[in-house]
Amino acid sequence: MTSKQRAYLKSLAMTMEPVFQIGKSSLTPEVTAAVEEALAARELIKVGVLQNCMDDPHELAQVLADRTRSQVVQVIGKKIVLYRPGKDEKRKIELPR
């Protein structure tokens, strides 16, 4: 992913609300499965990490990206933005070249 594409995805994610929240139980298989489903439906999602989660958001983002075969767009504070290209051509996000 180029820096131009990453910047475009960041601008799209700015207005989004977090779809999921990761709490004190951290990354459970259920959370991973739910993130997987959301990525299949939306391509770009935002995940919030609650204050009671003791894990580092950067590490959580990398683990989630590995498990869901997605890319980390950004991690700001306790917010994670993930992107995975979808298969549905009608709802596909067009990235700049």
PDB file of N, CA and C in Angstrom:
ATOM      1  N   MET A   1       0.846  -1.170   0.000  1.00  0.00           N
ATOM      2  CA  MET A   1       0.000   0.000   0.000  1.00  0.00           C
ATOM      3  C   MET A   1       0.896   1.238   0.000  1.00  0.00           C
ATOM      4  N   THR A   2       0.605   2.160  -0.900  1.00  0.00           N
ATOM      5  CA  THR A   2       1.414   3.380  -0.990  1.00  0.00           C
ATOM      6  C   THR A   2       0.956   4.384   0.065  1.00  0.00           C
ATOM      7  N   SER A   3       1.769   5.396   0.291  1.00  0.00           N
ATOM      8  CA  SER A   3       1.422   6.412   1.277  1.00  0.00           C
ATOM      9  C   SER A   3       0.202   7.223   0.835  1.00  0.00           C
ATOM     10  N   LYS A   4       0.044   7.385  -0.466  1.00  0.00           N
ATOM     11  CA  LYS A   4      -1.119   8.096  -0.992  1.00  0.00           C
ATOM     12  C   LYS A   4      -2.402   7.306  -0.714  1.00  0.00           C
ATOM     13  N   GLN A   5      -2.355   5.991  -0.905  1.00  0.00           N
ATOM     14  CA  GLN A   5      -3.506   5.140  -0.627  1.00  0.00           C
ATOM     15  C   GLN A   5      -3.814   5.127   0.867  1.00  0.00           C
ATOM     16  N   ARG A   6      -2.762   5.060   1.682  1.00  0.00           N
ATOM     17  CA  ARG A   6      -2.946   5.059   3.136  1.00  0.00           C
ATOM     18  C   ARG A   6      -3.584   6.377   3.591  1.00  0.00           C
ATOM     19  N   ALA A   7      -3.144   7.492   3.026  1.00  0.00           N
ATOM     20  CA  ALA A   7      -3.706   8.794   3.385  1.00  0.00           C
ATOM     21  C   ALA A   7      -5.183   8.874   2.999  1.00  0.00           C
ATOM     22  N   TYR A   8      -5.522   8.316   1.847  1.00  0.00           N
ATOM     23  CA  TYR A   8      -6.914   8.310   1.406  1.00  0.00           C
ATOM     24  C   TYR A   8      -7.782   7.495   2.371  1.00  0.00           C
ATOM     25  N   LEU A   9      -7.304   6.328   2.770  1.00  0.00           N
ATOM     26  CA  LEU A   9      -8.055   5.485   3.703  1.00  0.00           C
ATOM     27  C   LEU A   9      -8.181   6.155   5.065  1.00  0.00           C
ATOM     28  N   LYS A  10      -7.134   6.852   5.501  1.00  0.00           N
ATOM     29  CA  LYS A  10      -7.197   7.585   6.766  1.00  0.00           C
ATOM     30  C   LYS A  10      -8.277   8.650   6.714  1.00  0.00           C
ATOM     31  N   SER A  11      -8.378   9.341   5.572  1.00  0.00           N
ATOM     32  CA  SER A  11      -9.397  10.387   5.450  1.00  0.00           C
ATOM     33  C   SER A  11     -10.801   9.793   5.480  1.00  0.00           C
ATOM     34  N   LEU A  12     -10.979   8.621   4.884  1.00  0.00           N
ATOM     35  CA  LEU A  12     -12.287   7.957   4.942  1.00  0.00           C
ATOM     36  C   LEU A  12     -12.616   7.512   6.372  1.00  0.00           C
ATOM     37  N   ALA A  13     -11.615   7.050   7.085  1.00  0.00           N
ATOM     38  CA  ALA A  13     -11.835   6.504   8.429  1.00  0.00           C
ATOM     39  C   ALA A  13     -12.069   7.597   9.465  1.00  0.00           C
ATOM     40  N   MET A  14     -11.681   8.825   9.144  1.00  0.00           N
ATOM     41  CA  MET A  14     -11.808   9.911  10.106  1.00  0.00           C
ATOM     42  C   MET A  14     -13.241  10.103  10.593  1.00  0.00           C
ATOM     43  N   THR A  15     -14.201   9.959   9.712  1.00  0.00           N
ATOM     44  CA  THR A  15     -15.598  10.209  10.075  1.00  0.00           C
ATOM     45  C   THR A  15     -16.304   8.963  10.599  1.00  0.00           C
ATOM     46  N   MET A  16     -15.628   7.836  10.588  1.00  0.00           N
ATOM     47  CA  MET A  16     -16.245   6.579  11.023  1.00  0.00           C
ATOM     48  C   MET A  16     -16.259   6.455  12.540  1.00  0.00           C
ATOM     49  N   GLU A  17     -17.263   5.751  13.025  1.00  0.00           N
ATOM     50  CA  GLU A  17     -17.309   5.375  14.434  1.00  0.00           C
ATOM     51  C   GLU A  17     -16.737   3.956  14.555  1.00  0.00           C
ATOM     52  N   PRO A  18     -16.149   3.615  15.707  1.00  0.00           N
ATOM     53  CA  PRO A  18     -15.641   2.253  15.881  1.00  0.00           C
ATOM     54  C   PRO A  18     -16.753   1.216  15.769  1.00  0.00           C
ATOM     55  N   VAL A  19     -16.468   0.142  15.037  1.00  0.00           N
ATOM     56  CA  VAL A  19     -17.435  -0.931  14.837  1.00  0.00           C
ATOM     57  C   VAL A  19     -17.392  -1.900  16.011  1.00  0.00           C
ATOM     58  N   PHE A  20     -16.207  -2.123  16.555  1.00  0.00           N
ATOM     59  CA  PHE A  20     -16.015  -3.037  17.677  1.00  0.00           C
ATOM     60  C   PHE A  20     -15.183  -2.372  18.752  1.00  0.00           C
ATOM     61  N   GLN A  21     -15.293  -2.946  19.962  1.00  0.00           N
ATOM     62  CA  GLN A  21     -14.458  -2.499  21.067  1.00  0.00           C
ATOM     63  C   GLN A  21     -13.794  -3.720  21.671  1.00  0.00           C
ATOM     64  N   ILE A  22     -12.509  -3.566  21.963  1.00  0.00           N
ATOM     65  CA  ILE A  22     -11.756  -4.644  22.602  1.00  0.00           C
ATOM     66  C   ILE A  22     -11.605  -4.275  24.068  1.00  0.00           C
ATOM     67  N   GLY A  23     -12.065  -5.152  24.941  1.00  0.00           N
ATOM     68  CA  GLY A  23     -12.063  -4.879  26.376  1.00  0.00           C
ATOM     69  C   GLY A  23     -10.999  -5.668  27.115  1.00  0.00           C
ATOM     70  N   LYS A  24     -11.269  -5.918  28.401  1.00  0.00           N
ATOM     71  CA  LYS A  24     -10.260  -6.547  29.253  1.00  0.00           C
ATOM     72  C   LYS A  24      -9.957  -7.989  28.878  1.00  0.00           C
ATOM     73  N   SER A  25     -10.871  -8.652  28.174  1.00  0.00           N
ATOM     74  CA  SER A  25     -10.594 -10.025  27.755  1.00  0.00           C
ATOM     75  C   SER A  25      -9.702 -10.064  26.509  1.00  0.00           C
ATOM     76  N   SER A  26      -9.365  -8.906  25.978  1.00  0.00           N
ATOM     77  CA  SER A  26      -8.451  -8.736  24.843  1.00  0.00           C
ATOM     78  C   SER A  26      -8.995  -9.422  23.589  1.00  0.00           C
ATOM     79  N   LEU A  27      -8.121 -10.047  22.811  1.00  0.00           N
ATOM     80  CA  LEU A  27      -8.531 -10.647  21.537  1.00  0.00           C
ATOM     81  C   LEU A  27      -9.003 -12.084  21.746  1.00  0.00           C
ATOM     82  N   THR A  28     -10.302 -12.255  21.756  1.00  0.00           N
ATOM     83  CA  THR A  28     -10.868 -13.597  21.842  1.00  0.00           C
ATOM     84  C   THR A  28     -11.162 -14.076  20.425  1.00  0.00           C
ATOM     85  N   PRO A  29     -11.349 -15.372  20.237  1.00  0.00           N
ATOM     86  CA  PRO A  29     -11.718 -15.865  18.903  1.00  0.00           C
ATOM     87  C   PRO A  29     -13.020 -15.255  18.388  1.00  0.00           C
ATOM     88  N   GLU A  30     -13.926 -14.924  19.297  1.00  0.00           N
ATOM     89  CA  GLU A  30     -15.191 -14.316  18.892  1.00  0.00           C
ATOM     90  C   GLU A  30     -14.972 -12.921  18.319  1.00  0.00           C
ATOM     91  N   VAL A  31     -14.102 -12.136  18.955  1.00  0.00           N
ATOM     92  CA  VAL A  31     -13.795 -10.782  18.466  1.00  0.00           C
ATOM     93  C   VAL A  31     -13.126 -10.873  17.096  1.00  0.00           C
ATOM     94  N   THR A  32     -12.204 -11.804  16.958  1.00  0.00           N
ATOM     95  CA  THR A  32     -11.513 -11.976  15.684  1.00  0.00           C
ATOM     96  C   THR A  32     -12.500 -12.364  14.579  1.00  0.00           C
ATOM     97  N   ALA A  33     -13.425 -13.265  14.887  1.00  0.00           N
ATOM     98  CA  ALA A  33     -14.424 -13.688  13.899  1.00  0.00           C
ATOM     99  C   ALA A  33     -15.344 -12.524  13.529  1.00  0.00           C
ATOM    100  N   ALA A  34     -15.713 -11.710  14.502  1.00  0.00           N
ATOM    101  CA  ALA A  34     -16.580 -10.570  14.228  1.00  0.00           C
ATOM    102  C   ALA A  34     -15.873  -9.530  13.367  1.00  0.00           C
ATOM    103  N   VAL A  35     -14.602  -9.294  13.630  1.00  0.00           N
ATOM    104  CA  VAL A  35     -13.815  -8.360  12.817  1.00  0.00           C
ATOM    105  C   VAL A  35     -13.683  -8.899  11.402  1.00  0.00           C
ATOM    106  N   GLU A  36     -13.495 -10.201  11.266  1.00  0.00           N
ATOM    107  CA  GLU A  36     -13.413 -10.851   9.958  1.00  0.00           C
ATOM    108  C   GLU A  36     -14.692 -10.613   9.151  1.00  0.00           C
ATOM    109  N   GLU A  37     -15.844 -10.789   9.796  1.00  0.00           N
ATOM    110  CA  GLU A  37     -17.124 -10.566   9.125  1.00  0.00           C
ATOM    111  C   GLU A  37     -17.308  -9.107   8.729  1.00  0.00           C
ATOM    112  N   ALA A  38     -16.920  -8.199   9.610  1.00  0.00           N
ATOM    113  CA  ALA A  38     -17.072  -6.771   9.320  1.00  0.00           C
ATOM    114  C   ALA A  38     -16.181  -6.351   8.153  1.00  0.00           C
ATOM    115  N   LEU A  39     -14.984  -6.897   8.082  1.00  0.00           N
ATOM    116  CA  LEU A  39     -14.090  -6.583   6.969  1.00  0.00           C
ATOM    117  C   LEU A  39     -14.649  -7.116   5.656  1.00  0.00           C
ATOM    118  N   ALA A  40     -15.290  -8.270   5.704  1.00  0.00           N
ATOM    119  CA  ALA A  40     -15.892  -8.829   4.491  1.00  0.00           C
ATOM    120  C   ALA A  40     -17.043  -7.952   4.009  1.00  0.00           C
ATOM    121  N   ALA A  41     -17.746  -7.329   4.942  1.00  0.00           N
ATOM    122  CA  ALA A  41     -18.897  -6.507   4.577  1.00  0.00           C
ATOM    123  C   ALA A  41     -18.519  -5.071   4.224  1.00  0.00           C
ATOM    124  N   ARG A  42     -17.465  -4.528   4.862  1.00  0.00           N
ATOM    125  CA  ARG A  42     -17.201  -3.097   4.730  1.00  0.00           C
ATOM    126  C   ARG A  42     -15.853  -2.717   4.130  1.00  0.00           C
ATOM    127  N   GLU A  43     -14.873  -3.555   4.131  1.00  0.00           N
ATOM    128  CA  GLU A  43     -13.513  -3.301   3.661  1.00  0.00           C
ATOM    129  C   GLU A  43     -12.691  -2.459   4.631  1.00  0.00           C
ATOM    130  N   LEU A  44     -13.251  -1.375   5.151  1.00  0.00           N
ATOM    131  CA  LEU A  44     -12.527  -0.462   6.038  1.00  0.00           C
ATOM    132  C   LEU A  44     -13.292  -0.365   7.348  1.00  0.00           C
ATOM    133  N   ILE A  45     -12.639  -0.695   8.463  1.00  0.00           N
ATOM    134  CA  ILE A  45     -13.310  -0.624   9.763  1.00  0.00           C
ATOM    135  C   ILE A  45     -12.410   0.049  10.786  1.00  0.00           C
ATOM    136  N   LYS A  46     -13.064   0.550  11.822  1.00  0.00           N
ATOM    137  CA  LYS A  46     -12.355   1.146  12.944  1.00  0.00           C
ATOM    138  C   LYS A  46     -12.704   0.347  14.186  1.00  0.00           C
ATOM    139  N   VAL A  47     -11.686   0.046  14.996  1.00  0.00           N
ATOM    140  CA  VAL A  47     -11.857  -0.737  16.218  1.00  0.00           C
ATOM    141  C   VAL A  47     -11.345   0.089  17.382  1.00  0.00           C
ATOM    142  N   GLY A  48     -12.116   0.158  18.448  1.00  0.00           N
ATOM    143  CA  GLY A  48     -11.697   0.875  19.641  1.00  0.00           C
ATOM    144  C   GLY A  48     -11.134  -0.085  20.677  1.00  0.00           C
ATOM    145  N   VAL A  49     -10.116   0.371  21.395  1.00  0.00           N
ATOM    146  CA  VAL A  49      -9.533  -0.409  22.489  1.00  0.00           C
ATOM    147  C   VAL A  49      -9.903   0.312  23.779  1.00  0.00           C
ATOM    148  N   LEU A  50     -10.627  -0.369  24.658  1.00  0.00           N
ATOM    149  CA  LEU A  50     -11.096   0.251  25.892  1.00  0.00           C
ATOM    150  C   LEU A  50      -9.956   0.454  26.887  1.00  0.00           C
ATOM    151  N   GLN A  51     -10.201   1.330  27.851  1.00  0.00           N
ATOM    152  CA  GLN A  51      -9.181   1.648  28.850  1.00  0.00           C
ATOM    153  C   GLN A  51      -8.810   0.438  29.709  1.00  0.00           C
ATOM    154  N   ASN A  52      -9.757  -0.488  29.931  1.00  0.00           N
ATOM    155  CA  ASN A  52      -9.471  -1.640  30.787  1.00  0.00           C
ATOM    156  C   ASN A  52      -8.696  -2.743  30.071  1.00  0.00           C
ATOM    157  N   CYS A  53      -8.371  -2.566  28.798  1.00  0.00           N
ATOM    158  CA  CYS A  53      -7.544  -3.528  28.070  1.00  0.00           C
ATOM    159  C   CYS A  53      -6.081  -3.172  28.306  1.00  0.00           C
ATOM    160  N   MET A  54      -5.334  -4.101  28.842  1.00  0.00           N
ATOM    161  CA  MET A  54      -3.951  -3.828  29.213  1.00  0.00           C
ATOM    162  C   MET A  54      -2.955  -4.034  28.068  1.00  0.00           C
ATOM    163  N   ASP A  55      -3.410  -4.537  26.922  1.00  0.00           N
ATOM    164  CA  ASP A  55      -2.508  -4.794  25.800  1.00  0.00           C
ATOM    165  C   ASP A  55      -2.244  -3.511  25.012  1.00  0.00           C
ATOM    166  N   ASP A  56      -1.111  -3.485  24.352  1.00  0.00           N
ATOM    167  CA  ASP A  56      -0.720  -2.344  23.532  1.00  0.00           C
ATOM    168  C   ASP A  56      -1.557  -2.330  22.246  1.00  0.00           C
ATOM    169  N   PRO A  57      -2.180  -1.199  21.902  1.00  0.00           N
ATOM    170  CA  PRO A  57      -2.996  -1.133  20.675  1.00  0.00           C
ATOM    171  C   PRO A  57      -2.209  -1.450  19.396  1.00  0.00           C
ATOM    172  N   HIS A  58      -0.929  -1.098  19.348  1.00  0.00           N
ATOM    173  CA  HIS A  58      -0.121  -1.401  18.167  1.00  0.00           C
ATOM    174  C   HIS A  58       0.054  -2.912  17.989  1.00  0.00           C
ATOM    175  N   GLU A  59       0.275  -3.608  19.105  1.00  0.00           N
ATOM    176  CA  GLU A  59       0.410  -5.066  19.048  1.00  0.00           C
ATOM    177  C   GLU A  59      -0.926  -5.719  18.688  1.00  0.00           C
ATOM    178  N   LEU A  60      -2.014  -5.215  19.276  1.00  0.00           N
ATOM    179  CA  LEU A  60      -3.339  -5.752  18.959  1.00  0.00           C
ATOM    180  C   LEU A  60      -3.656  -5.564  17.480  1.00  0.00           C
ATOM    181  N   ALA A  61      -3.298  -4.404  16.936  1.00  0.00           N
ATOM    182  CA  ALA A  61      -3.561  -4.135  15.519  1.00  0.00           C
ATOM    183  C   ALA A  61      -2.819  -5.117  14.637  1.00  0.00           C
ATOM    184  N   GLN A  62      -1.568  -5.390  14.967  1.00  0.00           N
ATOM    185  CA  GLN A  62      -0.776  -6.301  14.149  1.00  0.00           C
ATOM    186  C   GLN A  62      -1.314  -7.732  14.231  1.00  0.00           C
ATOM    187  N   VAL A  63      -1.702  -8.160  15.417  1.00  0.00           N
ATOM    188  CA  VAL A  63      -2.259  -9.503  15.589  1.00  0.00           C
ATOM    189  C   VAL A  63      -3.579  -9.630  14.833  1.00  0.00           C
ATOM    190  N   LEU A  64      -4.441  -8.615  14.958  1.00  0.00           N
ATOM    191  CA  LEU A  64      -5.721  -8.638  14.232  1.00  0.00           C
ATOM    192  C   LEU A  64      -5.491  -8.664  12.732  1.00  0.00           C
ATOM    193  N   ALA A  65      -4.549  -7.876  12.244  1.00  0.00           N
ATOM    194  CA  ALA A  65      -4.256  -7.840  10.809  1.00  0.00           C
ATOM    195  C   ALA A  65      -3.759  -9.203  10.331  1.00  0.00           C
ATOM    196  N   ASP A  66      -2.915  -9.840  11.116  1.00  0.00           N
ATOM    197  CA  ASP A  66      -2.404 -11.165  10.741  1.00  0.00           C
ATOM    198  C   ASP A  66      -3.523 -12.199  10.708  1.00  0.00           C
ATOM    199  N   ARG A  67      -4.379 -12.167  11.715  1.00  0.00           N
ATOM    200  CA  ARG A  67      -5.452 -13.163  11.808  1.00  0.00           C
ATOM    201  C   ARG A  67      -6.531 -12.967  10.745  1.00  0.00           C
ATOM    202  N   THR A  68      -6.762 -11.728  10.327  1.00  0.00           N
ATOM    203  CA  THR A  68      -7.832 -11.454   9.363  1.00  0.00           C
ATOM    204  C   THR A  68      -7.301 -11.199   7.957  1.00  0.00           C
ATOM    205  N   ARG A  69      -6.003 -11.322   7.768  1.00  0.00           N
ATOM    206  CA  ARG A  69      -5.359 -11.074   6.469  1.00  0.00           C
ATOM    207  C   ARG A  69      -5.696  -9.685   5.938  1.00  0.00           C
ATOM    208  N   SER A  70      -5.632  -8.696   6.819  1.00  0.00           N
ATOM    209  CA  SER A  70      -5.909  -7.313   6.446  1.00  0.00           C
ATOM    210  C   SER A  70      -4.656  -6.477   6.660  1.00  0.00           C
ATOM    211  N   GLN A  71      -4.760  -5.183   6.408  1.00  0.00           N
ATOM    212  CA  GLN A  71      -3.640  -4.271   6.587  1.00  0.00           C
ATOM    213  C   GLN A  71      -4.002  -3.220   7.626  1.00  0.00           C
ATOM    214  N   VAL A  72      -3.032  -2.869   8.463  1.00  0.00           N
ATOM    215  CA  VAL A  72      -3.230  -1.806   9.437  1.00  0.00           C
ATOM    216  C   VAL A  72      -3.040  -0.478   8.709  1.00  0.00           C
ATOM    217  N   VAL A  73      -4.086   0.333   8.694  1.00  0.00           N
ATOM    218  CA  VAL A  73      -3.984   1.650   8.067  1.00  0.00           C
ATOM    219  C   VAL A  73      -3.342   2.620   9.043  1.00  0.00           C
ATOM    220  N   GLN A  74      -3.848   2.629  10.283  1.00  0.00           N
ATOM    221  CA  GLN A  74      -3.265   3.491  11.300  1.00  0.00           C
ATOM    222  C   GLN A  74      -3.704   3.051  12.676  1.00  0.00           C
ATOM    223  N   VAL A  75      -2.916   3.456  13.666  1.00  0.00           N
ATOM    224  CA  VAL A  75      -3.268   3.288  15.067  1.00  0.00           C
ATOM    225  C   VAL A  75      -3.030   4.649  15.718  1.00  0.00           C
ATOM    226  N   ILE A  76      -4.111   5.258  16.178  1.00  0.00           N
ATOM    227  CA  ILE A  76      -3.992   6.543  16.866  1.00  0.00           C
ATOM    228  C   ILE A  76      -4.590   6.373  18.246  1.00  0.00           C
ATOM    229  N   GLY A  77      -3.767   6.528  19.251  1.00  0.00           N
ATOM    230  CA  GLY A  77      -4.238   6.352  20.620  1.00  0.00           C
ATOM    231  C   GLY A  77      -4.770   4.954  20.807  1.00  0.00           C
ATOM    232  N   LYS A  78      -6.054   4.863  21.073  1.00  0.00           N
ATOM    233  CA  LYS A  78      -6.691   3.559  21.294  1.00  0.00           C
ATOM    234  C   LYS A  78      -7.650   3.204  20.169  1.00  0.00           C
ATOM    235  N   LYS A  79      -7.421   3.754  18.989  1.00  0.00           N
ATOM    236  CA  LYS A  79      -8.244   3.451  17.814  1.00  0.00           C
ATOM    237  C   LYS A  79      -7.386   2.778  16.749  1.00  0.00           C
ATOM    238  N   ILE A  80      -7.921   1.698  16.178  1.00  0.00           N
ATOM    239  CA  ILE A  80      -7.226   0.922  15.143  1.00  0.00           C
ATOM    240  C   ILE A  80      -8.077   0.978  13.885  1.00  0.00           C
ATOM    241  N   VAL A  81      -7.439   1.250  12.743  1.00  0.00           N
ATOM    242  CA  VAL A  81      -8.146   1.238  11.462  1.00  0.00           C
ATOM    243  C   VAL A  81      -7.550   0.123  10.608  1.00  0.00           C
ATOM    244  N   LEU A  82      -8.408  -0.790  10.142  1.00  0.00           N
ATOM    245  CA  LEU A  82      -7.987  -1.927   9.326  1.00  0.00           C
ATOM    246  C   LEU A  82      -8.642  -1.868   7.945  1.00  0.00           C
ATOM    247  N   TYR A  83      -7.911  -2.353   6.938  1.00  0.00           N
ATOM    248  CA  TYR A  83      -8.431  -2.384   5.564  1.00  0.00           C
ATOM    249  C   TYR A  83      -8.108  -3.730   4.933  1.00  0.00           C
ATOM    250  N   ARG A  84      -9.110  -4.276   4.249  1.00  0.00           N
ATOM    251  CA  ARG A  84      -8.909  -5.472   3.435  1.00  0.00           C
ATOM    252  C   ARG A  84      -9.779  -5.328   2.194  1.00  0.00           C
ATOM    253  N   PRO A  85      -9.175  -5.405   1.004  1.00  0.00           N
ATOM    254  CA  PRO A  85      -9.975  -5.270  -0.224  1.00  0.00           C
ATOM    255  C   PRO A  85     -11.079  -6.319  -0.270  1.00  0.00           C
ATOM    256  N   GLY A  86     -12.263  -5.875  -0.665  1.00  0.00           N
ATOM    257  CA  GLY A  86     -13.406  -6.771  -0.743  1.00  0.00           C
ATOM    258  C   GLY A  86     -13.520  -7.423  -2.103  1.00  0.00           C
ATOM    259  N   LYS A  87     -14.400  -8.391  -2.180  1.00  0.00           N
ATOM    260  CA  LYS A  87     -14.613  -9.114  -3.433  1.00  0.00           C
ATOM    261  C   LYS A  87     -15.789  -8.547  -4.219  1.00  0.00           C
ATOM    262  N   ASP A  88     -16.683  -7.807  -3.557  1.00  0.00           N
ATOM    263  CA  ASP A  88     -17.864  -7.263  -4.208  1.00  0.00           C
ATOM    264  C   ASP A  88     -17.499  -5.972  -4.951  1.00  0.00           C
ATOM    265  N   GLU A  89     -17.630  -5.988  -6.253  1.00  0.00           N
ATOM    266  CA  GLU A  89     -17.234  -4.845  -7.087  1.00  0.00           C
ATOM    267  C   GLU A  89     -18.123  -3.623  -6.867  1.00  0.00           C
ATOM    268  N   LYS A  90     -19.368  -3.831  -6.447  1.00  0.00           N
ATOM    269  CA  LYS A  90     -20.289  -2.710  -6.273  1.00  0.00           C
ATOM    270  C   LYS A  90     -19.915  -1.832  -5.082  1.00  0.00           C
ATOM    271  N   ARG A  91     -19.388  -2.439  -4.032  1.00  0.00           N
ATOM    272  CA  ARG A  91     -19.073  -1.697  -2.817  1.00  0.00           C
ATOM    273  C   ARG A  91     -17.573  -1.507  -2.624  1.00  0.00           C
ATOM    274  N   LYS A  92     -16.799  -1.693  -3.622  1.00  0.00           N
ATOM    275  CA  LYS A  92     -15.352  -1.629  -3.509  1.00  0.00           C
ATOM    276  C   LYS A  92     -14.867  -0.195  -3.360  1.00  0.00           C
ATOM    277  N   ILE A  93     -13.922   0.026  -2.465  1.00  0.00           N
ATOM    278  CA  ILE A  93     -13.303   1.341  -2.287  1.00  0.00           C
ATOM    279  C   ILE A  93     -12.244   1.497  -3.375  1.00  0.00           C
ATOM    280  N   GLU A  94     -12.360   2.548  -4.155  1.00  0.00           N
ATOM    281  CA  GLU A  94     -11.381   2.814  -5.209  1.00  0.00           C
ATOM    282  C   GLU A  94     -10.196   3.565  -4.609  1.00  0.00           C
ATOM    283  N   LEU A  95      -9.045   2.918  -4.591  1.00  0.00           N
ATOM    284  CA  LEU A  95      -7.843   3.546  -4.047  1.00  0.00           C
ATOM    285  C   LEU A  95      -7.134   4.343  -5.143  1.00  0.00           C
ATOM    286  N   PRO A  96      -6.562   5.498  -4.788  1.00  0.00           N
ATOM    287  CA  PRO A  96      -5.772   6.238  -5.784  1.00  0.00           C
ATOM    288  C   PRO A  96      -4.506   5.472  -6.158  1.00  0.00           C
ATOM    289  N   ARG A  97      -3.997   5.704  -7.333  1.00  0.00           N
ATOM    290  CA  ARG A  97      -2.794   5.012  -7.789  1.00  0.00           C
ATOM    291  C   ARG A  97      -1.539   5.686  -7.306  1.00  0.00           C
TER     292      ARG A  97
END
